[in-house]
Amino acid sequence: MFLSLGANLALFLLPTLLLNGAIFGLGWDRSSAVLPGLPPGWFVGGLWALLFAGMGVARWLLLRLGADRGTRRAETGVLLLGFLCLIYPLYTVGLSNDRAGLVGNVITLLMALPVAALALRRSRAAGGCIAAVCLWLSYAAAVTGYGIAHGLTN
């Protein structure tokens, strides 16, 4: 039996909303952007909620297609991608270590690109949802890399 769209959205959104609550509750949100081009914390938190919802939709679309090997790999990749994105605030020590953030963004992007390609081969919509994550990871890595190169980070 395939999980419903609601179950997949809950699988990806509930941990994200709980983590966003912890981030804002602990004051990790960087309310004023330190890096040029980095939006304020409330915007980034909202964007991540949308990206996680997209990952939930992508997984649901892939699950509906059946259980061939490529589809299972894409669906598993979406789950792993969600996990890697979710732990970002933890390995960056409360979003305070920009170098760890840059490494994490690059590693997550390198994992997300093949997942997007796999998903795209099965469903254009699912691939588009994962491509949105790739775009944000690319942008965040570029802004962070610029900040590190110019001594603007912590």
N, C-alpha and C. Protein backbone atom coordinates (compact mmCIF):
# COMPACT_ATOMS: atom_id res chain seq x y z
N MET A 1 0.84 -1.18 0.00
CA MET A 1 0.00 0.00 0.00
C MET A 1 0.88 1.24 0.00
N PHE A 2 0.52 2.23 -0.79
CA PHE A 2 1.29 3.47 -0.88
C PHE A 2 0.86 4.43 0.22
N LEU A 3 1.82 5.14 0.73
CA LEU A 3 1.50 6.15 1.73
C LEU A 3 0.78 7.30 1.05
N SER A 4 -0.12 7.91 1.75
CA SER A 4 -0.87 9.04 1.19
C SER A 4 0.02 10.28 1.08
N LEU A 5 -0.47 11.23 0.32
CA LEU A 5 0.24 12.51 0.22
C LEU A 5 0.36 13.14 1.59
N GLY A 6 -0.72 13.09 2.37
CA GLY A 6 -0.68 13.67 3.71
C GLY A 6 0.36 13.03 4.60
N ALA A 7 0.49 11.71 4.52
CA ALA A 7 1.49 11.01 5.33
C ALA A 7 2.90 11.41 4.92
N ASN A 8 3.14 11.56 3.63
CA ASN A 8 4.46 11.96 3.16
C ASN A 8 4.77 13.40 3.54
N LEU A 9 3.77 14.27 3.45
CA LEU A 9 3.99 15.65 3.89
C LEU A 9 4.30 15.69 5.38
N ALA A 10 3.56 14.91 6.16
CA ALA A 10 3.81 14.87 7.61
C ALA A 10 5.20 14.33 7.91
N LEU A 11 5.62 13.28 7.18
CA LEU A 11 6.93 12.68 7.38
C LEU A 11 8.05 13.70 7.20
N PHE A 12 7.89 14.61 6.25
CA PHE A 12 8.93 15.59 5.98
C PHE A 12 8.71 16.91 6.72
N LEU A 13 7.47 17.30 6.93
CA LEU A 13 7.21 18.62 7.53
C LEU A 13 7.25 18.63 9.06
N LEU A 14 6.75 17.59 9.71
CA LEU A 14 6.71 17.62 11.17
C LEU A 14 8.11 17.77 11.79
N PRO A 15 9.11 16.96 11.39
CA PRO A 15 10.44 17.18 11.96
C PRO A 15 11.00 18.57 11.63
N THR A 16 10.70 19.06 10.44
CA THR A 16 11.18 20.37 10.02
C THR A 16 10.58 21.47 10.87
N LEU A 17 9.29 21.40 11.10
CA LEU A 17 8.63 22.42 11.92
C LEU A 17 9.11 22.36 13.36
N LEU A 18 9.31 21.15 13.88
CA LEU A 18 9.85 21.02 15.24
C LEU A 18 11.26 21.59 15.32
N LEU A 19 12.09 21.28 14.32
CA LEU A 19 13.45 21.80 14.31
C LEU A 19 13.46 23.32 14.15
N ASN A 20 12.60 23.85 13.28
CA ASN A 20 12.51 25.31 13.13
C ASN A 20 12.11 25.95 14.46
N GLY A 21 11.18 25.33 15.16
CA GLY A 21 10.78 25.85 16.47
C GLY A 21 11.95 25.88 17.43
N ALA A 22 12.75 24.81 17.43
CA ALA A 22 13.92 24.77 18.30
C ALA A 22 14.94 25.83 17.89
N ILE A 23 15.16 25.98 16.60
CA ILE A 23 16.12 26.97 16.11
C ILE A 23 15.72 28.37 16.56
N PHE A 24 14.46 28.72 16.38
CA PHE A 24 14.01 30.05 16.78
C PHE A 24 13.94 30.17 18.30
N GLY A 25 13.55 29.10 18.97
CA GLY A 25 13.48 29.12 20.43
C GLY A 25 14.85 29.28 21.08
N LEU A 26 15.88 28.71 20.47
CA LEU A 26 17.23 28.81 21.01
C LEU A 26 17.99 30.04 20.49
N GLY A 27 17.36 30.81 19.63
CA GLY A 27 18.00 32.02 19.10
C GLY A 27 19.07 31.75 18.07
N TRP A 28 18.99 30.63 17.36
CA TRP A 28 19.99 30.31 16.34
C TRP A 28 19.63 30.88 14.97
N ASP A 29 18.56 31.61 14.86
CA ASP A 29 17.99 31.95 13.56
C ASP A 29 18.70 33.05 12.77
N ARG A 30 19.71 33.70 13.31
CA ARG A 30 20.40 34.78 12.58
C ARG A 30 19.39 35.79 12.03
N SER A 31 18.66 36.40 12.92
CA SER A 31 17.62 37.33 12.50
C SER A 31 18.15 38.43 11.60
N SER A 32 19.34 38.88 11.86
CA SER A 32 19.95 39.83 10.93
C SER A 32 21.04 39.08 10.16
N ALA A 33 20.94 39.10 8.86
CA ALA A 33 21.86 38.33 8.02
C ALA A 33 23.29 38.84 8.18
N VAL A 34 24.22 37.92 8.39
CA VAL A 34 25.62 38.25 8.54
C VAL A 34 26.28 38.28 7.17
N LEU A 35 25.92 37.35 6.31
CA LEU A 35 26.52 37.24 4.99
C LEU A 35 25.72 38.02 3.96
N PRO A 36 26.40 38.77 3.10
CA PRO A 36 25.68 39.48 2.04
C PRO A 36 24.96 38.47 1.14
N GLY A 37 23.70 38.72 0.88
CA GLY A 37 22.92 37.84 0.02
C GLY A 37 22.18 36.75 0.77
N LEU A 38 22.45 36.59 2.07
CA LEU A 38 21.76 35.57 2.85
C LEU A 38 20.50 36.19 3.44
N PRO A 39 19.34 35.64 3.14
CA PRO A 39 18.10 36.19 3.70
C PRO A 39 18.06 36.01 5.22
N PRO A 40 17.17 36.75 5.88
CA PRO A 40 17.04 36.59 7.34
C PRO A 40 16.55 35.19 7.70
N GLY A 41 16.79 34.82 8.96
CA GLY A 41 16.47 33.47 9.44
C GLY A 41 15.03 33.07 9.23
N TRP A 42 14.08 33.97 9.45
CA TRP A 42 12.68 33.62 9.29
C TRP A 42 12.38 33.22 7.85
N PHE A 43 13.03 33.87 6.89
CA PHE A 43 12.82 33.55 5.48
C PHE A 43 13.41 32.18 5.15
N VAL A 44 14.63 31.94 5.63
CA VAL A 44 15.29 30.66 5.37
C VAL A 44 14.49 29.51 6.00
N GLY A 45 14.00 29.70 7.21
CA GLY A 45 13.17 28.67 7.85
C GLY A 45 11.91 28.38 7.06
N GLY A 46 11.26 29.42 6.56
CA GLY A 46 10.07 29.24 5.73
C GLY A 46 10.38 28.56 4.42
N LEU A 47 11.50 28.95 3.82
CA LEU A 47 11.91 28.33 2.56
C LEU A 47 12.18 26.84 2.76
N TRP A 48 12.87 26.50 3.86
CA TRP A 48 13.12 25.09 4.13
C TRP A 48 11.84 24.31 4.34
N ALA A 49 10.85 24.92 4.96
CA ALA A 49 9.56 24.24 5.13
C ALA A 49 8.96 23.92 3.76
N LEU A 50 9.04 24.86 2.83
CA LEU A 50 8.55 24.62 1.46
C LEU A 50 9.36 23.53 0.76
N LEU A 51 10.69 23.57 0.93
CA LEU A 51 11.54 22.56 0.29
C LEU A 51 11.27 21.17 0.85
N PHE A 52 11.06 21.08 2.16
CA PHE A 52 10.73 19.78 2.75
C PHE A 52 9.36 19.30 2.28
N ALA A 53 8.41 20.22 2.15
CA ALA A 53 7.11 19.82 1.60
C ALA A 53 7.29 19.28 0.18
N GLY A 54 8.16 19.92 -0.60
CA GLY A 54 8.45 19.43 -1.95
C GLY A 54 9.07 18.05 -1.94
N MET A 55 9.95 17.78 -0.97
CA MET A 55 10.52 16.44 -0.87
C MET A 55 9.44 15.42 -0.52
N GLY A 56 8.49 15.80 0.33
CA GLY A 56 7.38 14.91 0.65
C GLY A 56 6.52 14.61 -0.57
N VAL A 57 6.25 15.64 -1.37
CA VAL A 57 5.49 15.45 -2.61
C VAL A 57 6.27 14.56 -3.57
N ALA A 58 7.57 14.80 -3.70
CA ALA A 58 8.40 13.99 -4.60
C ALA A 58 8.36 12.52 -4.19
N ARG A 59 8.50 12.25 -2.91
CA ARG A 59 8.47 10.86 -2.45
C ARG A 59 7.12 10.23 -2.74
N TRP A 60 6.05 10.95 -2.49
CA TRP A 60 4.71 10.44 -2.76
C TRP A 60 4.53 10.12 -4.25
N LEU A 61 4.99 11.02 -5.11
CA LEU A 61 4.89 10.79 -6.55
C LEU A 61 5.66 9.54 -6.96
N LEU A 62 6.84 9.37 -6.39
CA LEU A 62 7.66 8.20 -6.72
C LEU A 62 7.03 6.92 -6.21
N LEU A 63 6.48 6.95 -5.00
CA LEU A 63 5.83 5.76 -4.46
C LEU A 63 4.64 5.32 -5.30
N ARG A 64 3.95 6.26 -5.88
CA ARG A 64 2.78 5.94 -6.70
C ARG A 64 3.16 5.23 -8.00
N LEU A 65 4.42 5.39 -8.42
CA LEU A 65 4.84 4.81 -9.70
C LEU A 65 5.09 3.32 -9.64
N GLY A 66 5.32 2.78 -8.47
CA GLY A 66 5.59 1.36 -8.38
C GLY A 66 6.93 1.08 -7.75
N ALA A 67 7.35 -0.16 -7.85
CA ALA A 67 8.52 -0.59 -7.08
C ALA A 67 9.67 -1.09 -7.95
N ASP A 68 9.86 -0.52 -9.14
CA ASP A 68 11.04 -0.94 -9.90
C ASP A 68 12.30 -0.40 -9.22
N ARG A 69 13.43 -0.97 -9.56
CA ARG A 69 14.68 -0.65 -8.86
C ARG A 69 15.03 0.84 -8.91
N GLY A 70 14.92 1.46 -10.05
CA GLY A 70 15.26 2.88 -10.17
C GLY A 70 14.35 3.77 -9.35
N THR A 71 13.07 3.44 -9.32
CA THR A 71 12.13 4.23 -8.53
C THR A 71 12.41 4.07 -7.05
N ARG A 72 12.72 2.85 -6.62
CA ARG A 72 13.06 2.62 -5.20
C ARG A 72 14.32 3.39 -4.83
N ARG A 73 15.31 3.42 -5.73
CA ARG A 73 16.54 4.16 -5.45
C ARG A 73 16.24 5.65 -5.33
N ALA A 74 15.41 6.17 -6.21
CA ALA A 74 15.05 7.60 -6.15
C ALA A 74 14.31 7.91 -4.85
N GLU A 75 13.37 7.06 -4.48
CA GLU A 75 12.58 7.28 -3.26
C GLU A 75 13.48 7.22 -2.03
N THR A 76 14.40 6.26 -2.00
CA THR A 76 15.34 6.15 -0.89
C THR A 76 16.26 7.37 -0.86
N GLY A 77 16.66 7.84 -2.03
CA GLY A 77 17.49 9.04 -2.11
C GLY A 77 16.79 10.26 -1.56
N VAL A 78 15.50 10.38 -1.83
CA VAL A 78 14.72 11.51 -1.29
C VAL A 78 14.71 11.44 0.24
N LEU A 79 14.52 10.25 0.80
CA LEU A 79 14.54 10.11 2.26
C LEU A 79 15.90 10.51 2.83
N LEU A 80 16.98 10.04 2.21
CA LEU A 80 18.33 10.37 2.67
C LEU A 80 18.60 11.87 2.54
N LEU A 81 18.17 12.44 1.44
CA LEU A 81 18.34 13.88 1.24
C LEU A 81 17.62 14.65 2.34
N GLY A 82 16.40 14.26 2.65
CA GLY A 82 15.66 14.92 3.72
C GLY A 82 16.40 14.84 5.05
N PHE A 83 16.97 13.66 5.34
CA PHE A 83 17.73 13.49 6.58
C PHE A 83 18.95 14.40 6.60
N LEU A 84 19.71 14.43 5.50
CA LEU A 84 20.90 15.29 5.45
C LEU A 84 20.54 16.76 5.63
N CYS A 85 19.45 17.18 5.02
CA CYS A 85 19.02 18.57 5.17
C CYS A 85 18.56 18.86 6.60
N LEU A 86 17.93 17.89 7.21
CA LEU A 86 17.39 18.08 8.56
C LEU A 86 18.50 18.22 9.61
N ILE A 87 19.61 17.52 9.44
CA ILE A 87 20.66 17.56 10.46
C ILE A 87 21.62 18.75 10.30
N TYR A 88 21.44 19.56 9.28
CA TYR A 88 22.32 20.71 9.04
C TYR A 88 22.51 21.58 10.29
N PRO A 89 21.45 21.99 10.98
CA PRO A 89 21.66 22.84 12.16
C PRO A 89 22.46 22.15 13.27
N LEU A 90 22.47 20.83 13.28
CA LEU A 90 23.18 20.11 14.34
C LEU A 90 24.69 20.07 14.08
N TYR A 91 25.10 19.73 12.85
CA TYR A 91 26.54 19.66 12.61
C TYR A 91 27.17 21.02 12.37
N THR A 92 26.37 22.07 12.24
CA THR A 92 26.92 23.42 12.17
C THR A 92 26.90 24.09 13.54
N VAL A 93 26.69 23.29 14.57
CA VAL A 93 26.67 23.75 15.96
C VAL A 93 25.73 24.96 16.11
N GLY A 94 24.47 24.69 15.84
CA GLY A 94 23.47 25.75 15.96
C GLY A 94 23.62 26.83 14.93
N LEU A 95 23.99 26.46 13.74
CA LEU A 95 24.16 27.39 12.61
C LEU A 95 25.29 28.38 12.84
N SER A 96 26.23 28.05 13.72
CA SER A 96 27.29 29.01 14.03
C SER A 96 28.62 28.70 13.35
N ASN A 97 28.76 27.55 12.72
CA ASN A 97 30.02 27.19 12.07
C ASN A 97 29.81 27.20 10.56
N ASP A 98 30.18 28.31 9.93
CA ASP A 98 29.95 28.47 8.50
C ASP A 98 30.80 27.53 7.65
N ARG A 99 31.98 27.20 8.11
CA ARG A 99 32.82 26.27 7.35
C ARG A 99 32.18 24.88 7.30
N ALA A 100 31.67 24.42 8.43
CA ALA A 100 30.94 23.14 8.46
C ALA A 100 29.69 23.24 7.59
N GLY A 101 29.05 24.39 7.60
CA GLY A 101 27.88 24.60 6.76
C GLY A 101 28.20 24.51 5.29
N LEU A 102 29.32 25.09 4.89
CA LEU A 102 29.73 25.02 3.49
C LEU A 102 30.01 23.58 3.08
N VAL A 103 30.78 22.86 3.90
CA VAL A 103 31.08 21.46 3.60
C VAL A 103 29.77 20.66 3.53
N GLY A 104 28.89 20.89 4.48
CA GLY A 104 27.61 20.18 4.48
C GLY A 104 26.76 20.50 3.26
N ASN A 105 26.73 21.77 2.87
CA ASN A 105 25.97 22.14 1.67
C ASN A 105 26.52 21.45 0.43
N VAL A 106 27.84 21.41 0.30
CA VAL A 106 28.45 20.79 -0.87
C VAL A 106 28.18 19.28 -0.87
N ILE A 107 28.38 18.63 0.26
CA ILE A 107 28.13 17.18 0.34
C ILE A 107 26.66 16.88 0.05
N THR A 108 25.77 17.65 0.63
CA THR A 108 24.34 17.43 0.40
C THR A 108 23.97 17.70 -1.05
N LEU A 109 24.56 18.72 -1.65
CA LEU A 109 24.30 19.01 -3.06
C LEU A 109 24.81 17.88 -3.95
N LEU A 110 26.00 17.35 -3.65
CA LEU A 110 26.55 16.25 -4.43
C LEU A 110 25.67 15.00 -4.31
N MET A 111 24.98 14.85 -3.21
CA MET A 111 24.05 13.74 -3.06
C MET A 111 22.71 14.06 -3.73
N ALA A 112 22.30 15.32 -3.68
CA ALA A 112 20.99 15.71 -4.20
C ALA A 112 20.93 15.70 -5.73
N LEU A 113 22.03 16.02 -6.39
CA LEU A 113 22.02 16.07 -7.86
C LEU A 113 21.65 14.73 -8.49
N PRO A 114 22.30 13.62 -8.11
CA PRO A 114 21.87 12.35 -8.70
C PRO A 114 20.46 11.94 -8.29
N VAL A 115 20.03 12.31 -7.09
CA VAL A 115 18.66 12.02 -6.68
C VAL A 115 17.68 12.77 -7.57
N ALA A 116 17.98 14.03 -7.85
CA ALA A 116 17.13 14.82 -8.75
C ALA A 116 17.09 14.19 -10.14
N ALA A 117 18.24 13.74 -10.63
CA ALA A 117 18.28 13.11 -11.96
C ALA A 117 17.47 11.82 -11.97
N LEU A 118 17.63 10.99 -10.93
CA LEU A 118 16.85 9.75 -10.84
C LEU A 118 15.35 10.04 -10.77
N ALA A 119 14.99 10.98 -9.94
CA ALA A 119 13.57 11.33 -9.78
C ALA A 119 13.01 11.90 -11.09
N LEU A 120 13.79 12.71 -11.77
CA LEU A 120 13.35 13.33 -13.02
C LEU A 120 13.06 12.27 -14.08
N ARG A 121 13.86 11.21 -14.10
CA ARG A 121 13.62 10.13 -15.08
C ARG A 121 12.30 9.42 -14.82
N ARG A 122 11.84 9.45 -13.58
CA ARG A 122 10.58 8.77 -13.24
C ARG A 122 9.39 9.72 -13.29
N SER A 123 9.60 10.97 -12.86
CA SER A 123 8.51 11.94 -12.78
C SER A 123 9.09 13.34 -12.88
N ARG A 124 8.61 14.10 -13.86
CA ARG A 124 9.11 15.48 -14.00
C ARG A 124 8.80 16.30 -12.76
N ALA A 125 7.63 16.10 -12.20
CA ALA A 125 7.25 16.87 -11.01
C ALA A 125 8.15 16.51 -9.82
N ALA A 126 8.40 15.22 -9.61
CA ALA A 126 9.27 14.80 -8.51
C ALA A 126 10.68 15.34 -8.71
N GLY A 127 11.18 15.26 -9.94
CA GLY A 127 12.51 15.80 -10.24
C GLY A 127 12.57 17.30 -10.00
N GLY A 128 11.50 18.01 -10.34
CA GLY A 128 11.46 19.45 -10.12
C GLY A 128 11.49 19.81 -8.63
N CYS A 129 10.80 19.02 -7.83
CA CYS A 129 10.81 19.26 -6.38
C CYS A 129 12.23 19.12 -5.82
N ILE A 130 12.96 18.11 -6.27
CA ILE A 130 14.32 17.90 -5.78
C ILE A 130 15.27 18.92 -6.40
N ALA A 131 15.02 19.32 -7.63
CA ALA A 131 15.85 20.35 -8.27
C ALA A 131 15.78 21.67 -7.49
N ALA A 132 14.62 21.97 -6.90
CA ALA A 132 14.49 23.19 -6.09
C ALA A 132 15.43 23.13 -4.88
N VAL A 133 15.57 21.95 -4.28
CA VAL A 133 16.50 21.78 -3.17
C VAL A 133 17.93 22.01 -3.66
N CYS A 134 18.25 21.46 -4.83
CA CYS A 134 19.59 21.66 -5.41
C CYS A 134 19.89 23.13 -5.65
N LEU A 135 18.92 23.87 -6.14
CA LEU A 135 19.12 25.30 -6.38
C LEU A 135 19.42 26.05 -5.08
N TRP A 136 18.64 25.76 -4.03
CA TRP A 136 18.89 26.44 -2.76
C TRP A 136 20.25 26.06 -2.19
N LEU A 137 20.60 24.77 -2.23
CA LEU A 137 21.89 24.34 -1.72
C LEU A 137 23.03 25.02 -2.47
N SER A 138 22.89 25.16 -3.78
CA SER A 138 23.91 25.84 -4.59
C SER A 138 24.06 27.29 -4.17
N TYR A 139 22.91 27.96 -4.02
CA TYR A 139 22.94 29.37 -3.62
C TYR A 139 23.55 29.53 -2.23
N ALA A 140 23.10 28.71 -1.28
CA ALA A 140 23.61 28.80 0.09
C ALA A 140 25.11 28.52 0.14
N ALA A 141 25.57 27.55 -0.63
CA ALA A 141 27.00 27.24 -0.67
C ALA A 141 27.78 28.40 -1.28
N ALA A 142 27.25 29.02 -2.32
CA ALA A 142 27.95 30.14 -2.97
C ALA A 142 28.05 31.33 -2.01
N VAL A 143 26.96 31.66 -1.33
CA VAL A 143 26.96 32.79 -0.39
C VAL A 143 27.93 32.50 0.76
N THR A 144 27.88 31.30 1.29
CA THR A 144 28.75 30.94 2.40
C THR A 144 30.22 30.92 1.96
N GLY A 145 30.47 30.34 0.79
CA GLY A 145 31.85 30.32 0.27
C GLY A 145 32.40 31.73 0.06
N TYR A 146 31.56 32.63 -0.46
CA TYR A 146 31.95 34.02 -0.64
C TYR A 146 32.30 34.65 0.71
N GLY A 147 31.43 34.41 1.69
CA GLY A 147 31.66 34.97 3.03
C GLY A 147 32.94 34.46 3.65
N ILE A 148 33.22 33.17 3.50
CA ILE A 148 34.45 32.59 4.05
C ILE A 148 35.66 33.18 3.34
N ALA A 149 35.61 33.27 2.03
CA ALA A 149 36.73 33.79 1.23
C ALA A 149 37.03 35.26 1.57
N HIS A 150 36.01 36.00 1.97
CA HIS A 150 36.19 37.44 2.26
C HIS A 150 36.21 37.75 3.76
N GLY A 151 36.35 36.73 4.59
CA GLY A 151 36.45 36.93 6.03
C GLY A 151 35.21 37.49 6.68
N LEU A 152 34.03 37.17 6.14
CA LEU A 152 32.79 37.72 6.67
C LEU A 152 32.04 36.74 7.56
N THR A 153 32.63 35.57 7.81
CA THR A 153 31.92 34.52 8.55
C THR A 153 32.57 34.28 9.90
N ASN A 154 31.91 33.42 10.66
CA ASN A 154 32.44 33.05 11.97
C ASN A 154 33.10 31.69 11.89
